Amino acid sequence: MGFMDKLKEWMGTAKEGAADLAEKAEPMAKKAKDFASDALEKAEPMMEKAKESASELAKKAEPMAKKAKESASEAFESLGEKVSEFTDKSKEASGTTAETVADVAETAADKTADAAETAAERVADVTETAAEKTTDAAETAAEKTADAAETAAEQVAESTEEAKDGGGAF
């Protein structure tokens, strides 16, 4: 057997090995691709749900804030009218009574303002919580997607190494 015959034999063996290697790697690559695709499909609803939750929370918080503001305004207006009435009557009755009513009115106005501020703070807290939950859900989805892609890449690399080891004997 001559050198050329031996070379042709090696080339044939190399071709067979490469074909075997490609044949072994193909299902692993498809499996990795499917795995990554599944991971993305699973992450997508989570991100969508996070967006919807944040949107719903924001929608719920907005009417609450408006209602709190309206209630505070109405209470303040009502209080102002009553204070005026009491002030007028107090002026007629006595200067001391007018001062007492003014003090009570001032205290009530302060409490009303505090209540409006507390309501606004609660609305801000709800909005902030919604934003944090949305961010956390998006980060979790991104991490899971990255982990799935990394796992898929590792599986492809591993299957390629296995295929090389199995098809490398000439």
N, C-alpha and C. Protein backbone atom coordinates (compact mmCIF):
# COMPACT_ATOMS: atom_id res chain seq x y z
N MET A 1 0.84 -1.15 0.00
CA MET A 1 0.00 0.00 0.00
C MET A 1 0.90 1.22 0.00
N GLY A 2 0.56 2.14 -0.89
CA GLY A 2 1.39 3.32 -1.02
C GLY A 2 0.92 4.46 -0.12
N PHE A 3 1.74 5.46 -0.16
CA PHE A 3 1.46 6.64 0.65
C PHE A 3 0.12 7.27 0.27
N MET A 4 -0.19 7.38 -0.99
CA MET A 4 -1.43 7.98 -1.47
C MET A 4 -2.64 7.17 -1.02
N ASP A 5 -2.50 5.85 -1.05
CA ASP A 5 -3.61 5.01 -0.59
C ASP A 5 -3.88 5.24 0.90
N LYS A 6 -2.80 5.32 1.65
CA LYS A 6 -2.93 5.55 3.09
C LYS A 6 -3.56 6.93 3.34
N LEU A 7 -3.14 7.92 2.59
CA LEU A 7 -3.68 9.27 2.71
C LEU A 7 -5.17 9.28 2.36
N LYS A 8 -5.56 8.58 1.30
CA LYS A 8 -6.98 8.49 0.93
C LYS A 8 -7.78 7.79 2.03
N GLU A 9 -7.19 6.77 2.62
CA GLU A 9 -7.87 6.05 3.71
C GLU A 9 -8.10 6.99 4.90
N TRP A 10 -7.08 7.78 5.25
CA TRP A 10 -7.20 8.73 6.36
C TRP A 10 -8.26 9.79 6.06
N MET A 11 -8.27 10.27 4.82
CA MET A 11 -9.24 11.28 4.43
C MET A 11 -10.66 10.72 4.53
N GLY A 12 -10.85 9.50 4.11
CA GLY A 12 -12.16 8.85 4.21
C GLY A 12 -12.58 8.71 5.67
N THR A 13 -11.63 8.30 6.50
CA THR A 13 -11.91 8.16 7.94
C THR A 13 -12.24 9.53 8.54
N ALA A 14 -11.50 10.55 8.14
CA ALA A 14 -11.76 11.89 8.65
C ALA A 14 -13.15 12.38 8.23
N LYS A 15 -13.53 12.09 6.97
CA LYS A 15 -14.84 12.47 6.48
C LYS A 15 -15.94 11.78 7.29
N GLU A 16 -15.75 10.50 7.53
CA GLU A 16 -16.73 9.73 8.30
C GLU A 16 -16.83 10.30 9.73
N GLY A 17 -15.66 10.59 10.30
CA GLY A 17 -15.63 11.15 11.66
C GLY A 17 -16.33 12.51 11.72
N ALA A 18 -16.09 13.33 10.72
CA ALA A 18 -16.74 14.64 10.68
C ALA A 18 -18.24 14.49 10.50
N ALA A 19 -18.64 13.55 9.65
CA ALA A 19 -20.07 13.32 9.43
C ALA A 19 -20.72 12.81 10.72
N ASP A 20 -20.03 11.89 11.42
CA ASP A 20 -20.54 11.39 12.69
C ASP A 20 -20.64 12.51 13.72
N LEU A 21 -19.60 13.32 13.75
CA LEU A 21 -19.56 14.44 14.68
C LEU A 21 -20.72 15.40 14.41
N ALA A 22 -20.94 15.73 13.16
CA ALA A 22 -22.03 16.64 12.78
C ALA A 22 -23.37 16.01 13.13
N GLU A 23 -23.48 14.70 12.89
CA GLU A 23 -24.71 13.99 13.17
C GLU A 23 -25.01 13.99 14.68
N LYS A 24 -23.97 13.82 15.49
CA LYS A 24 -24.14 13.82 16.95
C LYS A 24 -24.41 15.23 17.49
N ALA A 25 -23.80 16.22 16.90
CA ALA A 25 -23.95 17.59 17.39
C ALA A 25 -25.30 18.19 17.01
N GLU A 26 -25.86 17.78 15.90
CA GLU A 26 -27.10 18.38 15.42
C GLU A 26 -28.25 18.26 16.43
N PRO A 27 -28.54 17.08 17.00
CA PRO A 27 -29.65 17.03 17.96
C PRO A 27 -29.35 17.85 19.23
N MET A 28 -28.09 17.87 19.62
CA MET A 28 -27.73 18.64 20.81
C MET A 28 -27.92 20.13 20.56
N ALA A 29 -27.54 20.59 19.39
CA ALA A 29 -27.72 22.00 19.05
C ALA A 29 -29.20 22.33 18.98
N LYS A 30 -29.99 21.45 18.40
CA LYS A 30 -31.44 21.65 18.33
C LYS A 30 -32.03 21.67 19.73
N LYS A 31 -31.57 20.77 20.58
CA LYS A 31 -32.04 20.70 21.96
C LYS A 31 -31.71 22.00 22.70
N ALA A 32 -30.51 22.51 22.51
CA ALA A 32 -30.09 23.75 23.16
C ALA A 32 -30.94 24.92 22.64
N LYS A 33 -31.17 24.93 21.34
CA LYS A 33 -31.99 25.99 20.74
C LYS A 33 -33.41 25.93 21.29
N ASP A 34 -33.97 24.74 21.37
CA ASP A 34 -35.33 24.59 21.91
C ASP A 34 -35.38 25.01 23.38
N PHE A 35 -34.35 24.63 24.12
CA PHE A 35 -34.29 24.99 25.55
C PHE A 35 -34.26 26.50 25.72
N ALA A 36 -33.43 27.18 24.94
CA ALA A 36 -33.35 28.64 25.02
C ALA A 36 -34.67 29.29 24.58
N SER A 37 -35.27 28.73 23.56
CA SER A 37 -36.55 29.25 23.07
C SER A 37 -37.63 29.08 24.14
N ASP A 38 -37.65 27.92 24.79
CA ASP A 38 -38.62 27.68 25.87
C ASP A 38 -38.41 28.65 27.01
N ALA A 39 -37.15 28.89 27.35
CA ALA A 39 -36.85 29.82 28.44
C ALA A 39 -37.35 31.22 28.11
N LEU A 40 -37.15 31.64 26.88
CA LEU A 40 -37.63 32.96 26.47
C LEU A 40 -39.15 33.02 26.49
N GLU A 41 -39.79 31.94 26.05
CA GLU A 41 -41.25 31.89 26.06
C GLU A 41 -41.79 31.97 27.49
N LYS A 42 -41.10 31.32 28.42
CA LYS A 42 -41.53 31.35 29.83
C LYS A 42 -41.30 32.72 30.44
N ALA A 43 -40.25 33.38 30.04
CA ALA A 43 -39.93 34.70 30.62
C ALA A 43 -40.87 35.77 30.09
N GLU A 44 -41.30 35.64 28.86
CA GLU A 44 -42.15 36.67 28.24
C GLU A 44 -43.45 36.90 29.02
N PRO A 45 -44.20 35.86 29.41
CA PRO A 45 -45.42 36.12 30.18
C PRO A 45 -45.14 36.77 31.53
N MET A 46 -44.01 36.42 32.14
CA MET A 46 -43.67 37.03 33.43
C MET A 46 -43.45 38.53 33.27
N MET A 47 -42.74 38.91 32.22
CA MET A 47 -42.49 40.33 31.99
C MET A 47 -43.81 41.04 31.67
N GLU A 48 -44.65 40.42 30.88
CA GLU A 48 -45.94 41.01 30.52
C GLU A 48 -46.81 41.17 31.76
N LYS A 49 -46.80 40.14 32.62
CA LYS A 49 -47.60 40.19 33.85
C LYS A 49 -47.10 41.31 34.76
N ALA A 50 -45.79 41.49 34.83
CA ALA A 50 -45.22 42.56 35.66
C ALA A 50 -45.67 43.92 35.13
N LYS A 51 -45.64 44.09 33.82
CA LYS A 51 -46.09 45.35 33.22
C LYS A 51 -47.56 45.60 33.54
N GLU A 52 -48.39 44.55 33.40
CA GLU A 52 -49.81 44.69 33.66
C GLU A 52 -50.06 45.04 35.12
N SER A 53 -49.34 44.37 36.03
CA SER A 53 -49.51 44.64 37.47
C SER A 53 -49.16 46.08 37.78
N ALA A 54 -48.08 46.57 37.25
CA ALA A 54 -47.68 47.95 37.50
C ALA A 54 -48.73 48.92 36.95
N SER A 55 -49.22 48.61 35.77
CA SER A 55 -50.23 49.47 35.15
C SER A 55 -51.50 49.48 35.98
N GLU A 56 -51.92 48.30 36.45
CA GLU A 56 -53.13 48.21 37.27
C GLU A 56 -52.96 48.98 38.59
N LEU A 57 -51.80 48.82 39.21
CA LEU A 57 -51.55 49.53 40.47
C LEU A 57 -51.57 51.04 40.26
N ALA A 58 -50.98 51.47 39.18
CA ALA A 58 -50.97 52.91 38.89
C ALA A 58 -52.39 53.41 38.65
N LYS A 59 -53.18 52.62 37.92
CA LYS A 59 -54.56 53.01 37.66
C LYS A 59 -55.37 53.06 38.96
N LYS A 60 -55.11 52.10 39.87
CA LYS A 60 -55.82 52.08 41.15
C LYS A 60 -55.38 53.24 42.04
N ALA A 61 -54.13 53.59 41.99
CA ALA A 61 -53.60 54.64 42.86
C ALA A 61 -54.11 56.03 42.43
N GLU A 62 -54.25 56.23 41.15
CA GLU A 62 -54.65 57.55 40.65
C GLU A 62 -56.02 57.99 41.18
N PRO A 63 -57.06 57.15 41.10
CA PRO A 63 -58.35 57.59 41.65
C PRO A 63 -58.29 57.80 43.17
N MET A 64 -57.50 56.97 43.85
CA MET A 64 -57.37 57.14 45.29
C MET A 64 -56.77 58.50 45.62
N ALA A 65 -55.77 58.90 44.87
CA ALA A 65 -55.14 60.19 45.10
C ALA A 65 -56.13 61.33 44.82
N LYS A 66 -56.85 61.21 43.71
CA LYS A 66 -57.84 62.23 43.37
C LYS A 66 -58.91 62.33 44.45
N LYS A 67 -59.38 61.16 44.89
CA LYS A 67 -60.43 61.14 45.90
C LYS A 67 -59.93 61.75 47.20
N ALA A 68 -58.72 61.43 47.60
CA ALA A 68 -58.14 61.99 48.82
C ALA A 68 -58.03 63.50 48.71
N LYS A 69 -57.57 63.96 47.54
CA LYS A 69 -57.42 65.40 47.33
C LYS A 69 -58.78 66.10 47.36
N GLU A 70 -59.77 65.49 46.69
CA GLU A 70 -61.11 66.07 46.68
C GLU A 70 -61.70 66.10 48.08
N SER A 71 -61.54 65.01 48.82
CA SER A 71 -62.07 64.95 50.19
C SER A 71 -61.42 66.01 51.06
N ALA A 72 -60.13 66.15 50.93
CA ALA A 72 -59.43 67.17 51.73
C ALA A 72 -59.91 68.57 51.35
N SER A 73 -60.08 68.80 50.05
CA SER A 73 -60.56 70.12 49.60
C SER A 73 -61.97 70.39 50.12
N GLU A 74 -62.84 69.39 50.00
CA GLU A 74 -64.21 69.56 50.48
C GLU A 74 -64.23 69.82 51.99
N ALA A 75 -63.45 69.05 52.71
CA ALA A 75 -63.40 69.22 54.17
C ALA A 75 -62.87 70.62 54.52
N PHE A 76 -61.87 71.04 53.79
CA PHE A 76 -61.28 72.34 54.06
C PHE A 76 -62.28 73.46 53.76
N GLU A 77 -63.00 73.34 52.62
CA GLU A 77 -64.00 74.34 52.27
C GLU A 77 -65.12 74.38 53.31
N SER A 78 -65.60 73.20 53.68
CA SER A 78 -66.66 73.10 54.67
C SER A 78 -66.21 73.71 56.00
N LEU A 79 -65.02 73.38 56.36
CA LEU A 79 -64.46 73.91 57.59
C LEU A 79 -64.35 75.43 57.52
N GLY A 80 -63.90 75.93 56.38
CA GLY A 80 -63.78 77.38 56.20
C GLY A 80 -65.13 78.08 56.35
N GLU A 81 -66.18 77.48 55.77
CA GLU A 81 -67.52 78.07 55.89
C GLU A 81 -67.97 78.09 57.34
N LYS A 82 -67.77 76.97 58.03
CA LYS A 82 -68.19 76.88 59.43
C LYS A 82 -67.39 77.85 60.30
N VAL A 83 -66.12 77.96 59.99
CA VAL A 83 -65.28 78.89 60.75
C VAL A 83 -65.79 80.31 60.56
N SER A 84 -66.16 80.64 59.33
CA SER A 84 -66.70 81.98 59.06
C SER A 84 -67.97 82.21 59.86
N GLU A 85 -68.85 81.21 59.84
CA GLU A 85 -70.09 81.32 60.59
C GLU A 85 -69.81 81.52 62.08
N PHE A 86 -68.96 80.66 62.60
CA PHE A 86 -68.64 80.76 64.03
C PHE A 86 -67.93 82.07 64.36
N THR A 87 -67.08 82.50 63.45
CA THR A 87 -66.35 83.75 63.69
C THR A 87 -67.33 84.93 63.75
N ASP A 88 -68.25 84.93 62.80
CA ASP A 88 -69.25 86.01 62.80
C ASP A 88 -70.07 86.00 64.09
N LYS A 89 -70.53 84.81 64.47
CA LYS A 89 -71.34 84.70 65.70
C LYS A 89 -70.49 85.04 66.92
N SER A 90 -69.25 84.63 66.88
CA SER A 90 -68.38 84.87 68.03
C SER A 90 -68.07 86.34 68.19
N LYS A 91 -67.91 87.03 67.07
CA LYS A 91 -67.66 88.48 67.16
C LYS A 91 -68.81 89.17 67.86
N GLU A 92 -69.99 88.68 67.56
CA GLU A 92 -71.17 89.26 68.19
C GLU A 92 -71.20 88.92 69.67
N ALA A 93 -70.87 87.70 70.01
CA ALA A 93 -70.98 87.25 71.40
C ALA A 93 -69.82 87.74 72.25
N SER A 94 -68.62 87.48 71.76
CA SER A 94 -67.48 87.86 72.60
C SER A 94 -66.19 87.72 71.83
N GLY A 95 -65.23 88.57 72.11
CA GLY A 95 -63.93 88.52 71.44
C GLY A 95 -63.16 87.27 71.83
N THR A 96 -63.31 86.80 73.06
CA THR A 96 -62.60 85.60 73.54
C THR A 96 -63.10 84.35 72.82
N THR A 97 -64.38 84.28 72.63
CA THR A 97 -64.95 83.13 71.93
C THR A 97 -64.44 83.09 70.49
N ALA A 98 -64.31 84.22 69.87
CA ALA A 98 -63.81 84.29 68.49
C ALA A 98 -62.39 83.74 68.42
N GLU A 99 -61.60 84.07 69.39
CA GLU A 99 -60.22 83.55 69.41
C GLU A 99 -60.22 82.04 69.59
N THR A 100 -61.08 81.53 70.44
CA THR A 100 -61.16 80.09 70.69
C THR A 100 -61.59 79.37 69.41
N VAL A 101 -62.60 79.90 68.75
CA VAL A 101 -63.08 79.29 67.51
C VAL A 101 -61.98 79.35 66.45
N ALA A 102 -61.28 80.45 66.38
CA ALA A 102 -60.19 80.57 65.41
C ALA A 102 -59.10 79.54 65.69
N ASP A 103 -58.81 79.32 66.97
CA ASP A 103 -57.81 78.29 67.34
C ASP A 103 -58.29 76.91 66.94
N VAL A 104 -59.58 76.63 67.22
CA VAL A 104 -60.15 75.33 66.84
C VAL A 104 -60.11 75.17 65.32
N ALA A 105 -60.48 76.22 64.62
CA ALA A 105 -60.48 76.17 63.15
C ALA A 105 -59.06 75.95 62.62
N GLU A 106 -58.11 76.62 63.22
CA GLU A 106 -56.72 76.45 62.79
C GLU A 106 -56.25 75.02 63.04
N THR A 107 -56.59 74.47 64.19
CA THR A 107 -56.23 73.08 64.51
C THR A 107 -56.88 72.12 63.52
N ALA A 108 -58.16 72.36 63.25
CA ALA A 108 -58.87 71.50 62.29
C ALA A 108 -58.25 71.62 60.90
N ALA A 109 -57.89 72.82 60.51
CA ALA A 109 -57.25 73.01 59.20
C ALA A 109 -55.92 72.28 59.15
N ASP A 110 -55.16 72.34 60.23
CA ASP A 110 -53.87 71.62 60.28
C ASP A 110 -54.09 70.12 60.16
N LYS A 111 -55.09 69.61 60.88
CA LYS A 111 -55.36 68.17 60.82
C LYS A 111 -55.82 67.75 59.42
N THR A 112 -56.61 68.60 58.79
CA THR A 112 -57.06 68.30 57.43
C THR A 112 -55.88 68.28 56.47
N ALA A 113 -54.99 69.24 56.62
CA ALA A 113 -53.80 69.28 55.76
C ALA A 113 -52.92 68.05 56.01
N ASP A 114 -52.80 67.66 57.29
CA ASP A 114 -52.01 66.45 57.62
C ASP A 114 -52.63 65.21 56.99
N ALA A 115 -53.97 65.11 57.04
CA ALA A 115 -54.65 63.96 56.44
C ALA A 115 -54.44 63.92 54.94
N ALA A 116 -54.50 65.07 54.29
CA ALA A 116 -54.27 65.12 52.84
C ALA A 116 -52.83 64.72 52.52
N GLU A 117 -51.90 65.17 53.34
CA GLU A 117 -50.48 64.83 53.13
C GLU A 117 -50.25 63.32 53.32
N THR A 118 -50.88 62.76 54.36
CA THR A 118 -50.76 61.32 54.61
C THR A 118 -51.32 60.52 53.43
N ALA A 119 -52.47 60.93 52.91
CA ALA A 119 -53.06 60.24 51.75
C ALA A 119 -52.13 60.32 50.55
N ALA A 120 -51.55 61.48 50.32
CA ALA A 120 -50.62 61.64 49.19
C ALA A 120 -49.39 60.76 49.38
N GLU A 121 -48.91 60.66 50.62
CA GLU A 121 -47.74 59.80 50.88
C GLU A 121 -48.06 58.34 50.62
N ARG A 122 -49.26 57.93 51.02
CA ARG A 122 -49.66 56.53 50.80
C ARG A 122 -49.77 56.21 49.31
N VAL A 123 -50.32 57.14 48.56
CA VAL A 123 -50.41 56.95 47.10
C VAL A 123 -49.01 56.86 46.51
N ALA A 124 -48.10 57.71 46.98
CA ALA A 124 -46.72 57.67 46.49
C ALA A 124 -46.07 56.34 46.84
N ASP A 125 -46.35 55.82 48.06
CA ASP A 125 -45.80 54.53 48.47
C ASP A 125 -46.31 53.40 47.58
N VAL A 126 -47.63 53.42 47.28
CA VAL A 126 -48.21 52.39 46.41
C VAL A 126 -47.57 52.45 45.03
N THR A 127 -47.41 53.65 44.51
CA THR A 127 -46.80 53.81 43.19
C THR A 127 -45.35 53.33 43.20
N GLU A 128 -44.61 53.66 44.24
CA GLU A 128 -43.21 53.24 44.34
C GLU A 128 -43.11 51.73 44.44
N THR A 129 -44.00 51.12 45.24
CA THR A 129 -44.01 49.67 45.39
C THR A 129 -44.30 48.99 44.05
N ALA A 130 -45.25 49.55 43.30
CA ALA A 130 -45.58 48.99 41.98
C ALA A 130 -44.36 49.07 41.06
N ALA A 131 -43.67 50.20 41.09
CA ALA A 131 -42.48 50.36 40.24
C ALA A 131 -41.40 49.37 40.65
N GLU A 132 -41.21 49.17 41.96
CA GLU A 132 -40.18 48.22 42.42
C GLU A 132 -40.53 46.80 42.02
N LYS A 133 -41.82 46.43 42.16
CA LYS A 133 -42.23 45.08 41.78
C LYS A 133 -42.05 44.86 40.29
N THR A 134 -42.36 45.86 39.49
CA THR A 134 -42.17 45.75 38.04
C THR A 134 -40.70 45.57 37.71
N THR A 135 -39.85 46.36 38.33
CA THR A 135 -38.41 46.27 38.10
C THR A 135 -37.90 44.90 38.53
N ASP A 136 -38.33 44.43 39.72
CA ASP A 136 -37.89 43.12 40.21
C ASP A 136 -38.32 42.00 39.26
N ALA A 137 -39.56 42.07 38.79
CA ALA A 137 -40.06 41.03 37.89
C ALA A 137 -39.28 41.03 36.58
N ALA A 138 -39.00 42.22 36.06
CA ALA A 138 -38.23 42.31 34.81
C ALA A 138 -36.81 41.79 35.01
N GLU A 139 -36.20 42.12 36.15
CA GLU A 139 -34.84 41.64 36.43
C GLU A 139 -34.83 40.12 36.57
N THR A 140 -35.84 39.57 37.27
CA THR A 140 -35.93 38.12 37.44
C THR A 140 -36.08 37.44 36.09
N ALA A 141 -36.93 37.98 35.25
CA ALA A 141 -37.13 37.40 33.92
C ALA A 141 -35.84 37.46 33.11
N ALA A 142 -35.14 38.58 33.19
CA ALA A 142 -33.89 38.73 32.45
C ALA A 142 -32.84 37.74 32.98
N GLU A 143 -32.77 37.58 34.29
CA GLU A 143 -31.81 36.63 34.88
C GLU A 143 -32.12 35.20 34.44
N LYS A 144 -33.41 34.84 34.48
CA LYS A 144 -33.80 33.48 34.08
C LYS A 144 -33.48 33.25 32.61
N THR A 145 -33.73 34.26 31.79
CA THR A 145 -33.43 34.13 30.37
C THR A 145 -31.93 33.98 30.16
N ALA A 146 -31.14 34.78 30.86
CA ALA A 146 -29.69 34.70 30.75
C ALA A 146 -29.19 33.34 31.23
N ASP A 147 -29.75 32.86 32.34
CA ASP A 147 -29.36 31.54 32.86
C ASP A 147 -29.70 30.44 31.86
N ALA A 148 -30.89 30.54 31.26
CA ALA A 148 -31.30 29.53 30.29
C ALA A 148 -30.38 29.55 29.07
N ALA A 149 -30.03 30.74 28.61
CA ALA A 149 -29.13 30.85 27.47
C ALA A 149 -27.75 30.31 27.81
N GLU A 150 -27.28 30.59 29.02
CA GLU A 150 -25.96 30.10 29.45
C GLU A 150 -25.98 28.57 29.53
N THR A 151 -27.07 28.02 30.10
CA THR A 151 -27.19 26.56 30.20
C THR A 151 -27.22 25.93 28.81
N ALA A 152 -27.95 26.57 27.90
CA ALA A 152 -28.03 26.05 26.53
C ALA A 152 -26.65 26.08 25.87
N ALA A 153 -25.92 27.17 26.07
CA ALA A 153 -24.58 27.28 25.49
C ALA A 153 -23.65 26.22 26.08
N GLU A 154 -23.78 25.99 27.38
CA GLU A 154 -22.95 24.96 28.02
C GLU A 154 -23.28 23.58 27.46
N GLN A 155 -24.58 23.32 27.24
CA GLN A 155 -24.99 22.02 26.70
C GLN A 155 -24.45 21.85 25.28
N VAL A 156 -24.51 22.90 24.50
CA VAL A 156 -23.98 22.82 23.14
C VAL A 156 -22.48 22.55 23.18
N ALA A 157 -21.77 23.28 24.04
CA ALA A 157 -20.32 23.09 24.16
C ALA A 157 -20.01 21.67 24.63
N GLU A 158 -20.77 21.20 25.60
CA GLU A 158 -20.56 19.86 26.13
C GLU A 158 -20.82 18.80 25.07
N SER A 159 -21.92 18.96 24.32
CA SER A 159 -22.25 17.98 23.29
C SER A 159 -21.21 18.02 22.16
N THR A 160 -20.72 19.21 21.88
CA THR A 160 -19.67 19.33 20.85
C THR A 160 -18.41 18.61 21.30
N GLU A 161 -18.05 18.78 22.57
CA GLU A 161 -16.87 18.09 23.11
C GLU A 161 -17.08 16.58 23.08
N GLU A 162 -18.30 16.14 23.46
CA GLU A 162 -18.59 14.70 23.44
C GLU A 162 -18.50 14.17 22.01
N ALA A 163 -19.03 14.94 21.08
CA ALA A 163 -19.00 14.51 19.69
C ALA A 163 -17.55 14.47 19.19
N LYS A 164 -16.75 15.44 19.59
CA LYS A 164 -15.35 15.44 19.18
C LYS A 164 -14.63 14.23 19.75
N ASP A 165 -14.89 13.95 21.02
CA ASP A 165 -14.22 12.82 21.67
C ASP A 165 -14.67 11.51 21.03
N GLY A 166 -15.93 11.40 20.68
CA GLY A 166 -16.45 10.16 20.08
C GLY A 166 -16.02 10.00 18.64
N GLY A 167 -15.88 11.06 17.90
CA GLY A 167 -15.58 10.96 16.46
C GLY A 167 -14.12 11.25 16.16
N GLY A 168 -13.28 11.44 17.18
CA GLY A 168 -11.90 11.87 16.93
C GLY A 168 -10.92 10.75 16.65
N ALA A 169 -11.30 9.47 16.82
CA ALA A 169 -10.34 8.38 16.58
C ALA A 169 -10.26 8.09 15.08
N PHE A 170 -9.06 8.19 14.54
CA PHE A 170 -8.85 7.93 13.11
C PHE A 170 -8.14 6.64 12.93
